[in-house]
């Protein structure tokens, strides 16, 4: 099955794929942060959505 690029949410809601613009848009909106802040968080704790969320709240 191919990745549907028209889908607004991520395919795997447990992971953040910074290489996909639609996923970056989803996660920045969900967490209320800039793209740069999201990238910093992923770099700090990995691409787990739960870990990124905790990092951003901390």
PDB file of N, CA and C in Angstrom:
ATOM      1  N   UNK A   1       0.845  -1.176   0.000  1.00  0.00           N
ATOM      2  CA  UNK A   1       0.000   0.000   0.000  1.00  0.00           C
ATOM      3  C   UNK A   1       0.895   1.245   0.000  1.00  0.00           C
ATOM      4  N   UNK A   2       0.539   2.230  -0.772  1.00  0.00           N
ATOM      5  CA  UNK A   2       1.337   3.443  -0.877  1.00  0.00           C
ATOM      6  C   UNK A   2       0.949   4.443   0.198  1.00  0.00           C
ATOM      7  N   UNK A   3       1.868   5.326   0.486  1.00  0.00           N
ATOM      8  CA  UNK A   3       1.632   6.393   1.449  1.00  0.00           C
ATOM      9  C   UNK A   3       0.755   7.453   0.790  1.00  0.00           C
ATOM     10  N   UNK A   4      -0.402   7.710   1.354  1.00  0.00           N
ATOM     11  CA  UNK A   4      -1.345   8.683   0.807  1.00  0.00           C
ATOM     12  C   UNK A   4      -0.921  10.089   1.214  1.00  0.00           C
ATOM     13  N   UNK A   5      -0.323  10.840   0.314  1.00  0.00           N
ATOM     14  CA  UNK A   5       0.176  12.178   0.611  1.00  0.00           C
ATOM     15  C   UNK A   5      -0.943  13.196   0.813  1.00  0.00           C
ATOM     16  N   UNK A   6      -2.179  12.843   0.481  1.00  0.00           N
ATOM     17  CA  UNK A   6      -3.285  13.764   0.695  1.00  0.00           C
ATOM     18  C   UNK A   6      -3.837  13.663   2.107  1.00  0.00           C
ATOM     19  N   UNK A   7      -3.429  12.654   2.841  1.00  0.00           N
ATOM     20  CA  UNK A   7      -3.873  12.480   4.217  1.00  0.00           C
ATOM     21  C   UNK A   7      -3.302  13.595   5.079  1.00  0.00           C
ATOM     22  N   UNK A   8      -4.117  14.182   5.931  1.00  0.00           N
ATOM     23  CA  UNK A   8      -3.670  15.313   6.737  1.00  0.00           C
ATOM     24  C   UNK A   8      -2.919  14.886   7.986  1.00  0.00           C
ATOM     25  N   UNK A   9      -3.175  13.696   8.497  1.00  0.00           N
ATOM     26  CA  UNK A   9      -2.499  13.232   9.701  1.00  0.00           C
ATOM     27  C   UNK A   9      -1.409  12.244   9.360  1.00  0.00           C
ATOM     28  N   UNK A  10      -0.567  11.960  10.327  1.00  0.00           N
ATOM     29  CA  UNK A  10       0.532  11.020  10.079  1.00  0.00           C
ATOM     30  C   UNK A  10       0.038   9.588   9.939  1.00  0.00           C
ATOM     31  N   UNK A  11       0.791   8.771   9.212  1.00  0.00           N
ATOM     32  CA  UNK A  11       0.425   7.369   9.047  1.00  0.00           C
ATOM     33  C   UNK A  11       0.625   6.608  10.353  1.00  0.00           C
ATOM     34  N   UNK A  12       1.685   6.928  11.055  1.00  0.00           N
ATOM     35  CA  UNK A  12       1.988   6.283  12.325  1.00  0.00           C
ATOM     36  C   UNK A  12       1.989   7.380  13.384  1.00  0.00           C
ATOM     37  N   UNK A  13       0.930   7.470  14.131  1.00  0.00           N
ATOM     38  CA  UNK A  13       0.789   8.566  15.096  1.00  0.00           C
ATOM     39  C   UNK A  13       1.749   8.445  16.273  1.00  0.00           C
ATOM     40  N   UNK A  14       2.498   7.364  16.363  1.00  0.00           N
ATOM     41  CA  UNK A  14       3.471   7.201  17.442  1.00  0.00           C
ATOM     42  C   UNK A  14       4.827   7.802  17.073  1.00  0.00           C
ATOM     43  N   UNK A  15       5.044   8.100  15.803  1.00  0.00           N
ATOM     44  CA  UNK A  15       6.344   8.599  15.334  1.00  0.00           C
ATOM     45  C   UNK A  15       6.160   9.887  14.538  1.00  0.00           C
ATOM     46  N   UNK A  16       7.169  10.746  14.621  1.00  0.00           N
ATOM     47  CA  UNK A  16       7.156  12.010  13.897  1.00  0.00           C
ATOM     48  C   UNK A  16       8.164  11.925  12.754  1.00  0.00           C
ATOM     49  N   UNK A  17       7.677  12.089  11.524  1.00  0.00           N
ATOM     50  CA  UNK A  17       8.538  12.043  10.338  1.00  0.00           C
ATOM     51  C   UNK A  17       8.784  13.473   9.862  1.00  0.00           C
ATOM     52  N   UNK A  18       9.943  14.017  10.210  1.00  0.00           N
ATOM     53  CA  UNK A  18      10.245  15.401   9.839  1.00  0.00           C
ATOM     54  C   UNK A  18      10.449  15.584   8.344  1.00  0.00           C
ATOM     55  N   UNK A  19      10.649  14.510   7.604  1.00  0.00           N
ATOM     56  CA  UNK A  19      10.875  14.601   6.172  1.00  0.00           C
ATOM     57  C   UNK A  19       9.610  14.786   5.359  1.00  0.00           C
ATOM     58  N   UNK A  20       8.460  14.729   6.013  1.00  0.00           N
ATOM     59  CA  UNK A  20       7.177  14.872   5.323  1.00  0.00           C
ATOM     60  C   UNK A  20       6.510  16.175   5.760  1.00  0.00           C
ATOM     61  N   UNK A  21       6.328  17.097   4.824  1.00  0.00           N
ATOM     62  CA  UNK A  21       5.759  18.413   5.146  1.00  0.00           C
ATOM     63  C   UNK A  21       4.398  18.308   5.822  1.00  0.00           C
ATOM     64  N   UNK A  22       3.554  17.379   5.358  1.00  0.00           N
ATOM     65  CA  UNK A  22       2.220  17.279   5.945  1.00  0.00           C
ATOM     66  C   UNK A  22       2.286  16.770   7.381  1.00  0.00           C
ATOM     67  N   UNK A  23       3.294  15.968   7.703  1.00  0.00           N
ATOM     68  CA  UNK A  23       3.445  15.515   9.086  1.00  0.00           C
ATOM     69  C   UNK A  23       3.980  16.643   9.965  1.00  0.00           C
ATOM     70  N   UNK A  24       4.921  17.406   9.455  1.00  0.00           N
ATOM     71  CA  UNK A  24       5.441  18.556  10.203  1.00  0.00           C
ATOM     72  C   UNK A  24       4.292  19.520  10.498  1.00  0.00           C
ATOM     73  N   UNK A  25       3.458  19.769   9.509  1.00  0.00           N
ATOM     74  CA  UNK A  25       2.310  20.655   9.704  1.00  0.00           C
ATOM     75  C   UNK A  25       1.358  20.096  10.765  1.00  0.00           C
ATOM     76  N   UNK A  26       1.127  18.803  10.735  1.00  0.00           N
ATOM     77  CA  UNK A  26       0.246  18.171  11.719  1.00  0.00           C
ATOM     78  C   UNK A  26       0.807  18.325  13.131  1.00  0.00           C
ATOM     79  N   UNK A  27       2.074  17.942  13.309  1.00  0.00           N
ATOM     80  CA  UNK A  27       2.660  17.936  14.652  1.00  0.00           C
ATOM     81  C   UNK A  27       2.895  19.342  15.190  1.00  0.00           C
ATOM     82  N   UNK A  28       3.269  20.295  14.346  1.00  0.00           N
ATOM     83  CA  UNK A  28       3.445  21.660  14.845  1.00  0.00           C
ATOM     84  C   UNK A  28       2.099  22.229  15.297  1.00  0.00           C
ATOM     85  N   UNK A  29       1.048  21.902  14.565  1.00  0.00           N
ATOM     86  CA  UNK A  29      -0.284  22.331  14.975  1.00  0.00           C
ATOM     87  C   UNK A  29      -0.743  21.650  16.246  1.00  0.00           C
ATOM     88  N   UNK A  30      -0.501  20.373  16.340  1.00  0.00           N
ATOM     89  CA  UNK A  30      -0.917  19.608  17.525  1.00  0.00           C
ATOM     90  C   UNK A  30      -0.220  20.106  18.786  1.00  0.00           C
ATOM     91  N   UNK A  31       1.084  20.362  18.674  1.00  0.00           N
ATOM     92  CA  UNK A  31       1.849  20.786  19.844  1.00  0.00           C
ATOM     93  C   UNK A  31       1.917  22.300  20.004  1.00  0.00           C
ATOM     94  N   UNK A  32       1.485  23.053  19.003  1.00  0.00           N
ATOM     95  CA  UNK A  32       1.505  24.504  19.081  1.00  0.00           C
ATOM     96  C   UNK A  32       2.908  25.082  19.106  1.00  0.00           C
ATOM     97  N   UNK A  33       3.793  24.506  18.291  1.00  0.00           N
ATOM     98  CA  UNK A  33       5.186  24.958  18.242  1.00  0.00           C
ATOM     99  C   UNK A  33       5.603  25.234  16.804  1.00  0.00           C
ATOM    100  N   UNK A  34       6.743  25.892  16.653  1.00  0.00           N
ATOM    101  CA  UNK A  34       7.288  26.149  15.321  1.00  0.00           C
ATOM    102  C   UNK A  34       7.964  24.893  14.776  1.00  0.00           C
ATOM    103  N   UNK A  35       8.236  24.903  13.494  1.00  0.00           N
ATOM    104  CA  UNK A  35       8.954  23.800  12.866  1.00  0.00           C
ATOM    105  C   UNK A  35      10.329  23.634  13.510  1.00  0.00           C
ATOM    106  N   UNK A  36      10.991  24.747  13.779  1.00  0.00           N
ATOM    107  CA  UNK A  36      12.326  24.710  14.375  1.00  0.00           C
ATOM    108  C   UNK A  36      12.287  24.091  15.765  1.00  0.00           C
ATOM    109  N   UNK A  37      11.280  24.453  16.558  1.00  0.00           N
ATOM    110  CA  UNK A  37      11.152  23.893  17.918  1.00  0.00           C
ATOM    111  C   UNK A  37      10.858  22.404  17.853  1.00  0.00           C
ATOM    112  N   UNK A  38      10.023  21.988  16.911  1.00  0.00           N
ATOM    113  CA  UNK A  38       9.725  20.569  16.738  1.00  0.00           C
ATOM    114  C   UNK A  38      10.992  19.811  16.357  1.00  0.00           C
ATOM    115  N   UNK A  39      11.768  20.364  15.424  1.00  0.00           N
ATOM    116  CA  UNK A  39      13.019  19.724  15.015  1.00  0.00           C
ATOM    117  C   UNK A  39      13.989  19.597  16.181  1.00  0.00           C
ATOM    118  N   UNK A  40      14.091  20.640  17.011  1.00  0.00           N
ATOM    119  CA  UNK A  40      14.968  20.599  18.180  1.00  0.00           C
ATOM    120  C   UNK A  40      14.534  19.503  19.152  1.00  0.00           C
ATOM    121  N   UNK A  41      13.232  19.381  19.356  1.00  0.00           N
ATOM    122  CA  UNK A  41      12.715  18.371  20.268  1.00  0.00           C
ATOM    123  C   UNK A  41      12.984  16.962  19.752  1.00  0.00           C
ATOM    124  N   UNK A  42      12.778  16.749  18.456  1.00  0.00           N
ATOM    125  CA  UNK A  42      13.043  15.423  17.870  1.00  0.00           C
ATOM    126  C   UNK A  42      14.535  15.097  17.975  1.00  0.00           C
ATOM    127  N   UNK A  43      15.369  16.090  17.746  1.00  0.00           N
ATOM    128  CA  UNK A  43      16.815  15.878  17.860  1.00  0.00           C
ATOM    129  C   UNK A  43      17.195  15.518  19.296  1.00  0.00           C
ATOM    130  N   UNK A  44      16.539  16.124  20.257  1.00  0.00           N
ATOM    131  CA  UNK A  44      16.854  15.907  21.672  1.00  0.00           C
ATOM    132  C   UNK A  44      16.385  14.551  22.194  1.00  0.00           C
ATOM    133  N   UNK A  45      15.180  14.126  21.779  1.00  0.00           N
ATOM    134  CA  UNK A  45      14.596  12.919  22.397  1.00  0.00           C
ATOM    135  C   UNK A  45      14.221  11.818  21.408  1.00  0.00           C
ATOM    136  N   UNK A  46      14.424  12.038  20.114  1.00  0.00           N
ATOM    137  CA  UNK A  46      14.042  11.040  19.126  1.00  0.00           C
ATOM    138  C   UNK A  46      12.676  11.343  18.539  1.00  0.00           C
ATOM    139  N   UNK A  47      12.193  10.459  17.672  1.00  0.00           N
ATOM    140  CA  UNK A  47      10.968  10.751  16.931  1.00  0.00           C
ATOM    141  C   UNK A  47       9.695  10.176  17.548  1.00  0.00           C
ATOM    142  N   UNK A  48       9.769   9.692  18.764  1.00  0.00           N
ATOM    143  CA  UNK A  48       8.565   9.231  19.451  1.00  0.00           C
ATOM    144  C   UNK A  48       7.673  10.429  19.774  1.00  0.00           C
ATOM    145  N   UNK A  49       6.431  10.379  19.327  1.00  0.00           N
ATOM    146  CA  UNK A  49       5.511  11.495  19.567  1.00  0.00           C
ATOM    147  C   UNK A  49       5.310  11.729  21.060  1.00  0.00           C
ATOM    148  N   UNK A  50       5.213  10.671  21.841  1.00  0.00           N
ATOM    149  CA  UNK A  50       5.036  10.817  23.282  1.00  0.00           C
ATOM    150  C   UNK A  50       6.248  11.483  23.929  1.00  0.00           C
ATOM    151  N   UNK A  51       7.444  11.063  23.536  1.00  0.00           N
ATOM    152  CA  UNK A  51       8.667  11.650  24.101  1.00  0.00           C
ATOM    153  C   UNK A  51       8.793  13.110  23.709  1.00  0.00           C
ATOM    154  N   UNK A  52       8.468  13.439  22.473  1.00  0.00           N
ATOM    155  CA  UNK A  52       8.522  14.829  22.020  1.00  0.00           C
ATOM    156  C   UNK A  52       7.523  15.672  22.790  1.00  0.00           C
ATOM    157  N   UNK A  53       6.324  15.161  22.962  1.00  0.00           N
ATOM    158  CA  UNK A  53       5.305  15.896  23.714  1.00  0.00           C
ATOM    159  C   UNK A  53       5.770  16.168  25.141  1.00  0.00           C
ATOM    160  N   UNK A  54       6.318  15.167  25.798  1.00  0.00           N
ATOM    161  CA  UNK A  54       6.815  15.353  27.160  1.00  0.00           C
ATOM    162  C   UNK A  54       7.952  16.364  27.208  1.00  0.00           C
ATOM    163  N   UNK A  55       8.841  16.299  26.252  1.00  0.00           N
ATOM    164  CA  UNK A  55       9.964  17.226  26.174  1.00  0.00           C
ATOM    165  C   UNK A  55       9.468  18.671  25.997  1.00  0.00           C
ATOM    166  N   UNK A  56       8.477  18.859  25.159  1.00  0.00           N
ATOM    167  CA  UNK A  56       7.947  20.191  24.902  1.00  0.00           C
ATOM    168  C   UNK A  56       7.200  20.742  26.119  1.00  0.00           C
ATOM    169  N   UNK A  57       6.585  19.875  26.887  1.00  0.00           N
ATOM    170  CA  UNK A  57       5.858  20.304  28.088  1.00  0.00           C
ATOM    171  C   UNK A  57       6.814  20.640  29.220  1.00  0.00           C
ATOM    172  N   UNK A  58       7.996  20.004  29.211  1.00  0.00           N
ATOM    173  CA  UNK A  58       8.961  20.152  30.314  1.00  0.00           C
ATOM    174  C   UNK A  58       9.632  21.424  30.286  1.00  0.00           C
TER     175      UNK A  58
END
